[in-house]
Amino acid sequence: MTTSILLRGRALLLALLALAVPMTALAAGENYGRVSGYVYDPTGTPLAEVPLTISGPALQQPIARTSGEDGRFEFGQVPPGEGYVLEVQVEGFAPIKKKGIIVRLGQNTPVDVKLEVLTETNAVATYEIVEKVNPIINPDSAQTGAVMTAEKAAATPVFNQVQTMPQLVAGVGPGNAPSSRGGLSRYGKFYVDGMDTTDVSDGSITAPMNFYAVENFEIITGGLDAQYNALGMVENVVTKSGSNKFTYDVSLILSPAFSNAKATYGSDQSIITGNYLQNDAPQAETSFYAPLVAVGGPIIKDRLWFYASGQWNISNQETPLTINGVQENRPKNTQTRLGRLKLTWQPTDKDRVSFAVNVDQNVISNNRSSSTVALDAESRIDRGGAFFIANYDHNFTENVLFQLQTGATYKKAYMGPQNDDLDAASHADRDNNFFTTGSSGSLTGLAGNYSTENKWRLQFDPTVLFKVGSHQMKGGVQLGYLMGEQQVGTSGNVRYDDRGGVCNPEDPSTFAFCNRRTTFYNLDGQPGPLTTSASVAQLGAFFQDRWTVNRQLTVVAGLRADVGRMYAGDTFITNLVGIGPRLSATYDITNDRKTLLKAHYGRSNEMGDVFIAQHANPEMLQVRSDFNRTEGAFHECPPEGPSTSVCNISGGARGRYFDKGHTPPSVDEISLGLHREVAEGMVVGVDGTYRRYNNLWIDEEVNRVWDLTGTNIVRGLDGDTHAIIKIHNPDDAWRDYKGVDLWLQGKYGGWDVLASYTLGYNNGTVGEYFDGYGQNPRMKYLFGGPTPDDIRHTVKGALGYATTFGLDFGLRFRYLTGTPLWMNQNLSNGNGTFYRSPRGTGHTLRSGTPNFNDPSAISELRNPDQFIIDAQARYDIGRLFNMANKLELTLLVVNALNNTDTTALYDRWNTGTTTYGLSRFRNRPMQAELLLRFRN
């Protein structure tokens, strides 16, 4: 990173902090849950000034509160966990102790207290078990989503990945960086212990972490309070903090090659052989092993606790490949190391301090492992990073809480040649399925074949929450500074597109193979890599009031304002300013905390990120020259241009620019829900949602003039036919979502259920930022229609059943209808991709020359539906030996039915093509893991 960026970032952050210190604030993510209720006498009259105390294993010291004039009390700083005890002792009334209270992250657990007059028969404390209280019924918020405990996660058949959990919740799509309710996948937010740790470029998790180090997973899909500014799903995890009791958790995951099924298709083979069922090509063998260790306990009893964990994942995929008739075995090795340490200190009953550090490293060798890549052109990925979180809580009074959440994230990534040879030129043989030799890489969407990237986030969130009567108010600022530096290059600074062999322009005997050469230049006009940097300063301010009107009605009103300031290198790009009002209400229809009606309206605004800011930087300057067979050499094509029929110049400093003035991307959400407890601990809900995503980022072509067919460039406005892209977010770049979620969640007897059905309709003009909409103005109208992630029907569930003798079962299932395709083909003149029907439609023929203008030949095109079942069984072996601690043996089977059906089809058609409509991706075959876990 350049010194100027660091200095600018440091100066800006200090200036923002100076402005923030005198202001009230609230941190971005929740760290706690709440317990609230009303105190009554035997006649139902509210009792004021009643002292209450709550204690539990996750609290270092008990918390005391008193009821208000309306009898209401609230404990608003309770770490998530189970086994909480609420005690009440009032003169003249029998003392009471309620046990078994469950607290969930970000949720309110309602617990009412009815006191009995003291008599000789009830002069001793009454121990009342309140295990039937269900925190899923949350009368204080209209947020939608789910909260899952560590035990629920362990009992669910999923791979041990923190980023996997959102997929279980209604309204969230598939994948570890999922879209939710019509939003882009990059809109996701990931918080750890309340701090935003989202990747500064793509909305994924910054760093993986130990799955068993998490206490609660909170997934918020809608109805966001003003403290959140997110256009998509929010995952907030609170990690374990240790306690006065020493704990340990040791696991070993075993998944040898023989426990994993082989696919019925040729994995990682070329298109010609790789996607047919019952292929006779050898199949890949995959193994996985992972030890995990976590320990926690007191350093100073009642004052200082620690929790530490470590994990090492070792994966090996032996992939047989047939390369030009010769079979070889290509091992793809992946190793991931994770480490975490958290310290929690409570010097007084009013102060709590925690510090956490998380580190990770991931290395993948032979990443391509494809029959289209020679061994000398293999690629490697080496990435990792760390994040640091410091939290401070201080109770000035019973009604005033101050919090400070601050920290930093760092992420690095190298992707490039396996042998680190950056001098070897890359050759791709067009006549041999683009078989690549010399050097390769694993970049997506970038011109080069290797890149090195470093990314940082600095976060500072002071907070204040205060209570006045029946109002719980919070207001504040959130400060973030995002930075990134990237170097992209091509090994040898040149890439050859050959035909039938390997071209060597110095060897006449190879001239028959020479076709095209692309040379890559830096901004100085010299062959070499391109280094760019970008940064974004973000400032958000908000105020929110949660008004408990009475026992039945709660209204939450809030307003936030956000500002983003983006830089490309040292160059200022633009300011983004957005206002986000929020208003929601919950009403207890039956006045028994069992039937809630919820309504919400809110707006969130995107304030930019490093990916968008980097988009203002130029791409590598590419000069493509054709081979002149008459002269036996490539045409001389100077990088300063212009483009000709044999010289094509793209990228460089003149290739794109940001428009002046922007309306930031935003989402407006309206939702209405009805939640009902249908059995003790079991809740059914229905939530209807409409979302409108406005002013999304696109690339707009502003130089090329196309003919009426949109297939040929007539001229360029500046005299050259090269592309000039204006980056902006116009009103016609939009998406919307209309959906209904029907869900069931809770515990009943031995059952633990989280299941849902979603009916959703996603439409719009933009499938992803800079996805091609606007690059050919003649084709704009064809982009409207169902978006690429339009999944009409989704049925999914995570079911668990626990027996009384130590055996429990878990089942996960999901059925998803196919996403839309359109039919497209490459233009013969090399000017891009040709669309001749609206997205989601096309022509069903695989050969011949179809009439794309014939309406009767246009039909809906969608990928196949998907249905997957995962299962697990877990048994506490320790019961056999009367062990006080748990010794669990778990068998996990992913894709238990070994369903290797197609999930995506090839949608590009060309004359004489053999791939249109064929399988592009398939489900991975069945995988089985044996997990041995010892914990107390």
Foldseek 3Di string as FASTA:
>chain_A
DDPVVVVVLVVVQVVVVVVFVVDFFDFQFFQFFKEKEFEAEPVRQTDWQWKKWKDDQQALDIDIDTAHPRRMDMDGHHGFDWFMKMWTDDPQWQTEIETTDGTFTPFYFYDYHYTYGDDPVRNHYYYHYDNLGFRVLGQQAQWDWDKDFLVLVVQFQDPLWLLQPRCLIPQWHDDSQTFGQQDDSQQEWEAESRHTQADQARRGHQATAGSNQWGMWTKTADRDAPSHFTPGIYIYTYGDAAGQDKWKKKKKKWFFQVQFDWAQAQPQEFLVGGFDGNGPADTKTKIKIKIKIKIKHAPDRSFKIKIKMKMKMWMKIFHWYQAPNDIDTDIKIKIKIKIKMKMWGDPDPFKIKMKMKIWMKMKIWQVSSHSLEDPQAGKMKIKIWMKMWIKMWGDPDPFKIKMKIWIKIKMKMKKWWRVPQLAWEWEFAPARSRRIDGYAIDDDPADARIKIKMKMKTWITIHMWGDDRQKIKTKRKIKMKIKMKMKGAHRSQKYFHWHPDDDDLVDLVRLNGGWKMKGWDEQVQHRDIYMWMKMKIKMKIKMKMWGCPDLFKIKIWMKMKMKMWMAIHPHTAAIEIDIKTKIKMWGRPVSPSFKIKIKIKMKHFDRHGGNVNNVQPWGTKMKMFTQDVVVSGTDDARSVDDADLGIHIAIHNQAEHEDYDAHTKMKIKIKIKMWGDPDSFKIKMKMKMKMKIFQAKEWAWDFFDAPLQLQDTPAGNVGGRYTYTYIYGDGQFIKMKTKMKIWMATDDAQKGKTWIKMAMFMWGQDQDHHPCQNSRVSCSVQSTDGHQPGWGIKTWMWMKGDDPQFKMKIKIKMKTAFGWAEAWAARPSRPGIHGLHHTQWYADDQADDDDSPDVVRIDGGTFGMDIFMKMKMKGFCCVVVVDPWGWMKMKIKTRVVQFFDARDADRYHDHVDDGHRGGDGTDRGMTMMIMIMTID
